[in-house]
Amino acid sequence: MKVVSGKFRGLNLKAVPTNNTRPTSAKVKEAVFSMLSPYMVDGIALDLFAGTGSLGIEAVSRGYQQAYLVDKAYKAINTIKENVEKTREEDSFVVIKSSATEALKKFQDEKVKFDLVFLDPPYRMKITEQIISDMVDNDLLNDGAVIVDETDYDIDLELEQIELIKEKRYKDTKVAMYRFGG
């Protein structure tokens, strides 16, 4: 697993030593960032189910100021910390061991807002719609924020401020990109 582009291009990233984490494939990651390219800014990114931290590290590599990398598993957090250390820019990352719900409450309390959000929860959870709704309701998204959702199922968001921009399928993975309109 490598960083595809930007200042960390070619950096080898460690995988989480467990079968419980499903890393985003190189093909899907490259496709995601290709889809994102017209919407890239230099803001704050969030990888809410970070696993290896690969998506957040890629975002910083491509110009985002900072990435929050959240996971609740100890092995994932240790892997994320090792991968962040490899960048030699640890100050560009905030690593948090927490459930998604607890992290969102923390961000609300600290008034942290995001410009780019990666959601890649375990497929069996089917919680994407609730997470996006909570982020909107708790004012965690800057106007124009982009949300990238990787799932294995179709969701129909019924949130007035969220617009579907693009959607693609890669075998059993669906990537949907949404934009928050404030």
C-alpha atoms as a PDB file:
ATOM      1  CA  MET A   1       0.000   0.000   0.000  1.00  0.00           C
ATOM      2  CA  LYS A   2       1.473   3.314  -1.111  1.00  0.00           C
ATOM      3  CA  VAL A   3       0.651   7.002  -1.209  1.00  0.00           C
ATOM      4  CA  VAL A   4      -0.411   7.619  -4.815  1.00  0.00           C
ATOM      5  CA  SER A   5       0.410  11.300  -5.354  1.00  0.00           C
ATOM      6  CA  GLY A   6       1.623  14.533  -3.788  1.00  0.00           C
ATOM      7  CA  LYS A   7       4.456  15.280  -1.404  1.00  0.00           C
ATOM      8  CA  PHE A   8       4.395  11.768   0.146  1.00  0.00           C
ATOM      9  CA  ARG A   9       4.099  10.026  -3.250  1.00  0.00           C
ATOM     10  CA  GLY A  10       5.475   6.486  -3.205  1.00  0.00           C
ATOM     11  CA  LEU A  11       5.594   6.296   0.608  1.00  0.00           C
ATOM     12  CA  ASN A  12       4.959   2.705   1.697  1.00  0.00           C
ATOM     13  CA  LEU A  13       2.232   2.416   4.315  1.00  0.00           C
ATOM     14  CA  LYS A  14       1.838  -0.424   6.760  1.00  0.00           C
ATOM     15  CA  ALA A  15      -1.350  -2.511   6.800  1.00  0.00           C
ATOM     16  CA  VAL A  16      -3.252  -3.241  10.004  1.00  0.00           C
ATOM     17  CA  PRO A  17      -2.183  -6.722  11.241  1.00  0.00           C
ATOM     18  CA  THR A  18      -5.711  -8.163  11.471  1.00  0.00           C
ATOM     19  CA  ASN A  19      -8.486  -9.511   9.292  1.00  0.00           C
ATOM     20  CA  ASN A  20     -10.987  -7.050  10.790  1.00  0.00           C
ATOM     21  CA  THR A  21      -9.818  -4.122   8.645  1.00  0.00           C
ATOM     22  CA  ARG A  22     -10.605  -3.855   4.956  1.00  0.00           C
ATOM     23  CA  PRO A  23      -8.162  -1.361   3.425  1.00  0.00           C
ATOM     24  CA  THR A  24      -9.291   0.670   0.443  1.00  0.00           C
ATOM     25  CA  SER A  25      -7.741  -0.909  -2.629  1.00  0.00           C
ATOM     26  CA  ALA A  26      -5.182   1.073  -4.624  1.00  0.00           C
ATOM     27  CA  LYS A  27      -7.570   1.125  -7.601  1.00  0.00           C
ATOM     28  CA  VAL A  28     -10.449   2.528  -5.541  1.00  0.00           C
ATOM     29  CA  LYS A  29      -8.181   5.043  -3.750  1.00  0.00           C
ATOM     30  CA  GLU A  30      -6.834   6.334  -7.060  1.00  0.00           C
ATOM     31  CA  ALA A  31     -10.392   6.579  -8.435  1.00  0.00           C
ATOM     32  CA  VAL A  32     -11.593   8.421  -5.312  1.00  0.00           C
ATOM     33  CA  PHE A  33      -8.881  11.051  -5.583  1.00  0.00           C
ATOM     34  CA  SER A  34      -9.468  11.380  -9.317  1.00  0.00           C
ATOM     35  CA  MET A  35     -13.151  12.074  -8.585  1.00  0.00           C
ATOM     36  CA  LEU A  36     -12.127  14.531  -5.863  1.00  0.00           C
ATOM     37  CA  SER A  37      -9.616  16.534  -7.897  1.00  0.00           C
ATOM     38  CA  PRO A  38     -12.043  19.311  -8.973  1.00  0.00           C
ATOM     39  CA  TYR A  39     -13.099  19.785  -5.340  1.00  0.00           C
ATOM     40  CA  MET A  40      -9.704  19.681  -3.623  1.00  0.00           C
ATOM     41  CA  VAL A  41      -9.006  22.583  -1.285  1.00  0.00           C
ATOM     42  CA  ASP A  42      -6.410  23.157   1.398  1.00  0.00           C
ATOM     43  CA  GLY A  43      -8.678  22.648   4.370  1.00  0.00           C
ATOM     44  CA  ILE A  44      -9.207  20.053   7.072  1.00  0.00           C
ATOM     45  CA  ALA A  45      -9.903  16.388   6.290  1.00  0.00           C
ATOM     46  CA  LEU A  46     -11.508  13.676   8.414  1.00  0.00           C
ATOM     47  CA  ASP A  47     -11.065   9.935   7.967  1.00  0.00           C
ATOM     48  CA  LEU A  48     -13.657   8.646  10.427  1.00  0.00           C
ATOM     49  CA  PHE A  49     -12.963   4.911  10.104  1.00  0.00           C
ATOM     50  CA  ALA A  50      -9.292   5.370   9.312  1.00  0.00           C
ATOM     51  CA  GLY A  51      -7.958   1.801   9.511  1.00  0.00           C
ATOM     52  CA  THR A  52      -4.436   2.449   8.192  1.00  0.00           C
ATOM     53  CA  GLY A  53      -4.848   6.219   7.847  1.00  0.00           C
ATOM     54  CA  SER A  54      -4.199   5.888   4.125  1.00  0.00           C
ATOM     55  CA  LEU A  55      -6.978   8.214   2.898  1.00  0.00           C
ATOM     56  CA  GLY A  56      -6.174  10.997   5.351  1.00  0.00           C
ATOM     57  CA  ILE A  57      -2.450  10.706   4.631  1.00  0.00           C
ATOM     58  CA  GLU A  58      -3.211  10.886   0.899  1.00  0.00           C
ATOM     59  CA  ALA A  59      -5.332  14.031   1.469  1.00  0.00           C
ATOM     60  CA  VAL A  60      -2.467  15.783   3.311  1.00  0.00           C
ATOM     61  CA  SER A  61      -0.035  14.572   0.664  1.00  0.00           C
ATOM     62  CA  ARG A  62      -2.202  16.332  -1.936  1.00  0.00           C
ATOM     63  CA  GLY A  63      -2.446  19.643  -0.113  1.00  0.00           C
ATOM     64  CA  TYR A  64      -4.851  19.488   2.817  1.00  0.00           C
ATOM     65  CA  GLN A  65      -3.520  21.321   5.883  1.00  0.00           C
ATOM     66  CA  GLN A  66      -4.476  18.660   8.390  1.00  0.00           C
ATOM     67  CA  ALA A  67      -6.233  15.312   8.671  1.00  0.00           C
ATOM     68  CA  TYR A  68      -8.033  13.840  11.666  1.00  0.00           C
ATOM     69  CA  LEU A  69      -7.664  10.055  11.658  1.00  0.00           C
ATOM     70  CA  VAL A  70     -10.193   8.251  13.848  1.00  0.00           C
ATOM     71  CA  ASP A  71     -10.495   4.551  14.624  1.00  0.00           C
ATOM     72  CA  LYS A  72     -11.602   2.621  17.682  1.00  0.00           C
ATOM     73  CA  ALA A  73      -9.323  -0.421  17.302  1.00  0.00           C
ATOM     74  CA  TYR A  74      -5.952  -0.463  19.090  1.00  0.00           C
ATOM     75  CA  LYS A  75      -4.194  -2.255  16.224  1.00  0.00           C
ATOM     76  CA  ALA A  76      -5.507   0.297  13.743  1.00  0.00           C
ATOM     77  CA  ILE A  77      -4.428   3.240  15.915  1.00  0.00           C
ATOM     78  CA  ASN A  78      -0.929   1.792  16.304  1.00  0.00           C
ATOM     79  CA  THR A  79      -0.711   1.295  12.525  1.00  0.00           C
ATOM     80  CA  ILE A  80      -1.991   4.825  11.857  1.00  0.00           C
ATOM     81  CA  LYS A  81       0.634   6.267  14.222  1.00  0.00           C
ATOM     82  CA  GLU A  82       3.403   4.320  12.456  1.00  0.00           C
ATOM     83  CA  ASN A  83       2.176   5.464   9.043  1.00  0.00           C
ATOM     84  CA  VAL A  84       1.886   9.089  10.151  1.00  0.00           C
ATOM     85  CA  GLU A  85       5.417   8.922  11.569  1.00  0.00           C
ATOM     86  CA  LYS A  86       6.682   7.820   8.137  1.00  0.00           C
ATOM     87  CA  THR A  87       5.445  11.125   6.664  1.00  0.00           C
ATOM     88  CA  ARG A  88       7.755  13.076   9.001  1.00  0.00           C
ATOM     89  CA  GLU A  89       4.946  15.620   9.286  1.00  0.00           C
ATOM     90  CA  GLU A  90       3.206  14.401  12.437  1.00  0.00           C
ATOM     91  CA  ASP A  91       1.888  17.919  13.153  1.00  0.00           C
ATOM     92  CA  SER A  92      -0.332  17.610  10.075  1.00  0.00           C
ATOM     93  CA  PHE A  93      -2.304  14.783  11.677  1.00  0.00           C
ATOM     94  CA  VAL A  94      -4.535  14.288  14.703  1.00  0.00           C
ATOM     95  CA  VAL A  95      -4.899  10.600  15.605  1.00  0.00           C
ATOM     96  CA  ILE A  96      -7.871   9.763  17.813  1.00  0.00           C
ATOM     97  CA  LYS A  97      -8.809   6.394  19.311  1.00  0.00           C
ATOM     98  CA  SER A  98     -12.570   6.621  19.547  1.00  0.00           C
ATOM     99  CA  SER A  99     -15.849   5.383  18.166  1.00  0.00           C
ATOM    100  CA  ALA A 100     -17.308   7.494  15.369  1.00  0.00           C
ATOM    101  CA  THR A 101     -20.124   8.747  17.615  1.00  0.00           C
ATOM    102  CA  GLU A 102     -17.747   9.821  20.399  1.00  0.00           C
ATOM    103  CA  ALA A 103     -15.429  11.515  17.906  1.00  0.00           C
ATOM    104  CA  LEU A 104     -18.285  13.518  16.388  1.00  0.00           C
ATOM    105  CA  LYS A 105     -19.317  14.709  19.870  1.00  0.00           C
ATOM    106  CA  LYS A 106     -15.710  15.719  20.569  1.00  0.00           C
ATOM    107  CA  PHE A 107     -15.507  17.662  17.293  1.00  0.00           C
ATOM    108  CA  GLN A 108     -18.777  19.416  18.110  1.00  0.00           C
ATOM    109  CA  ASP A 109     -17.508  20.383  21.582  1.00  0.00           C
ATOM    110  CA  GLU A 110     -14.230  21.656  20.104  1.00  0.00           C
ATOM    111  CA  LYS A 111     -16.013  23.373  17.188  1.00  0.00           C
ATOM    112  CA  VAL A 112     -13.941  21.530  14.590  1.00  0.00           C
ATOM    113  CA  LYS A 113     -15.321  21.725  11.043  1.00  0.00           C
ATOM    114  CA  PHE A 114     -14.264  19.726   8.000  1.00  0.00           C
ATOM    115  CA  ASP A 115     -13.822  20.357   4.285  1.00  0.00           C
ATOM    116  CA  LEU A 116     -13.362  16.714   3.287  1.00  0.00           C
ATOM    117  CA  VAL A 117     -14.762  13.611   5.005  1.00  0.00           C
ATOM    118  CA  PHE A 118     -13.985   9.966   4.249  1.00  0.00           C
ATOM    119  CA  LEU A 119     -16.534   7.436   5.467  1.00  0.00           C
ATOM    120  CA  ASP A 120     -15.583   3.797   5.077  1.00  0.00           C
ATOM    121  CA  PRO A 121     -17.310   2.065   7.996  1.00  0.00           C
ATOM    122  CA  PRO A 122     -17.446  -1.712   8.240  1.00  0.00           C
ATOM    123  CA  TYR A 123     -19.984  -2.591   5.555  1.00  0.00           C
ATOM    124  CA  ARG A 124     -22.210  -4.515   7.956  1.00  0.00           C
ATOM    125  CA  MET A 125     -22.839  -1.368  10.051  1.00  0.00           C
ATOM    126  CA  LYS A 126     -24.855   0.550   7.419  1.00  0.00           C
ATOM    127  CA  ILE A 127     -24.556   3.818   9.378  1.00  0.00           C
ATOM    128  CA  THR A 128     -23.465   6.272   6.703  1.00  0.00           C
ATOM    129  CA  GLU A 129     -26.757   8.159   6.530  1.00  0.00           C
ATOM    130  CA  GLN A 130     -26.877   8.611  10.314  1.00  0.00           C
ATOM    131  CA  ILE A 131     -23.271   9.851  10.458  1.00  0.00           C
ATOM    132  CA  ILE A 132     -23.802  12.377   7.668  1.00  0.00           C
ATOM    133  CA  SER A 133     -27.031  13.552   9.303  1.00  0.00           C
ATOM    134  CA  ASP A 134     -25.231  13.970  12.653  1.00  0.00           C
ATOM    135  CA  MET A 135     -22.431  15.937  10.980  1.00  0.00           C
ATOM    136  CA  VAL A 136     -24.946  18.296   9.354  1.00  0.00           C
ATOM    137  CA  ASP A 137     -27.050  18.669  12.523  1.00  0.00           C
ATOM    138  CA  ASN A 138     -23.975  19.366  14.680  1.00  0.00           C
ATOM    139  CA  ASP A 139     -22.420  21.906  12.285  1.00  0.00           C
ATOM    140  CA  LEU A 140     -19.277  19.872  11.573  1.00  0.00           C
ATOM    141  CA  LEU A 141     -19.055  20.658   7.855  1.00  0.00           C
ATOM    142  CA  ASN A 142     -17.818  23.809   6.179  1.00  0.00           C
ATOM    143  CA  ASP A 143     -19.890  25.092   3.280  1.00  0.00           C
ATOM    144  CA  GLY A 144     -18.884  23.154   0.163  1.00  0.00           C
ATOM    145  CA  ALA A 145     -17.469  20.224   2.170  1.00  0.00           C
ATOM    146  CA  VAL A 146     -17.152  16.982   0.237  1.00  0.00           C
ATOM    147  CA  ILE A 147     -18.068  13.617   1.746  1.00  0.00           C
ATOM    148  CA  VAL A 148     -16.726  10.423   0.188  1.00  0.00           C
ATOM    149  CA  ASP A 149     -18.642   7.315   1.205  1.00  0.00           C
ATOM    150  CA  GLU A 150     -17.364   3.811   0.473  1.00  0.00           C
ATOM    151  CA  THR A 151     -20.002   1.103   0.970  1.00  0.00           C
ATOM    152  CA  ASP A 152     -21.305  -2.123  -0.468  1.00  0.00           C
ATOM    153  CA  TYR A 153     -24.924  -0.955  -0.685  1.00  0.00           C
ATOM    154  CA  ASP A 154     -27.065   1.856  -2.064  1.00  0.00           C
ATOM    155  CA  ILE A 155     -28.279   4.619   0.196  1.00  0.00           C
ATOM    156  CA  ASP A 156     -30.731   7.344  -0.622  1.00  0.00           C
ATOM    157  CA  LEU A 157     -29.871  10.364   1.450  1.00  0.00           C
ATOM    158  CA  GLU A 158     -32.846  12.550   2.198  1.00  0.00           C
ATOM    159  CA  LEU A 159     -30.968  15.519   3.572  1.00  0.00           C
ATOM    160  CA  GLU A 160     -31.736  18.890   2.015  1.00  0.00           C
ATOM    161  CA  GLN A 161     -28.197  20.251   2.358  1.00  0.00           C
ATOM    162  CA  ILE A 162     -26.449  17.200   0.857  1.00  0.00           C
ATOM    163  CA  GLU A 163     -26.152  16.736  -2.904  1.00  0.00           C
ATOM    164  CA  LEU A 164     -24.885  13.614  -4.666  1.00  0.00           C
ATOM    165  CA  ILE A 165     -22.078  14.672  -7.027  1.00  0.00           C
ATOM    166  CA  LYS A 166     -20.750  11.372  -8.355  1.00  0.00           C
ATOM    167  CA  GLU A 167     -21.146   7.681  -7.809  1.00  0.00           C
ATOM    168  CA  LYS A 168     -19.156   4.727  -9.138  1.00  0.00           C
ATOM    169  CA  ARG A 169     -19.010   0.983  -8.577  1.00  0.00           C
ATOM    170  CA  TYR A 170     -15.877  -1.140  -8.354  1.00  0.00           C
ATOM    171  CA  LYS A 171     -16.864  -4.817  -8.061  1.00  0.00           C
ATOM    172  CA  ASP A 172     -18.516  -5.044  -4.613  1.00  0.00           C
ATOM    173  CA  THR A 173     -17.589  -1.485  -3.590  1.00  0.00           C
ATOM    174  CA  LYS A 174     -19.680   1.613  -4.231  1.00  0.00           C
ATOM    175  CA  VAL A 175     -18.100   5.051  -3.904  1.00  0.00           C
ATOM    176  CA  ALA A 176     -20.472   7.998  -3.610  1.00  0.00           C
ATOM    177  CA  MET A 177     -19.348  11.598  -3.372  1.00  0.00           C
ATOM    178  CA  TYR A 178     -21.605  14.188  -1.790  1.00  0.00           C
ATOM    179  CA  ARG A 179     -21.340  17.942  -1.331  1.00  0.00           C
ATOM    180  CA  PHE A 180     -22.640  19.933   1.619  1.00  0.00           C
ATOM    181  CA  GLY A 181     -24.355  23.137   0.638  1.00  0.00           C
ATOM    182  CA  GLY A 182     -24.711  24.806   4.041  1.00  0.00           C
END
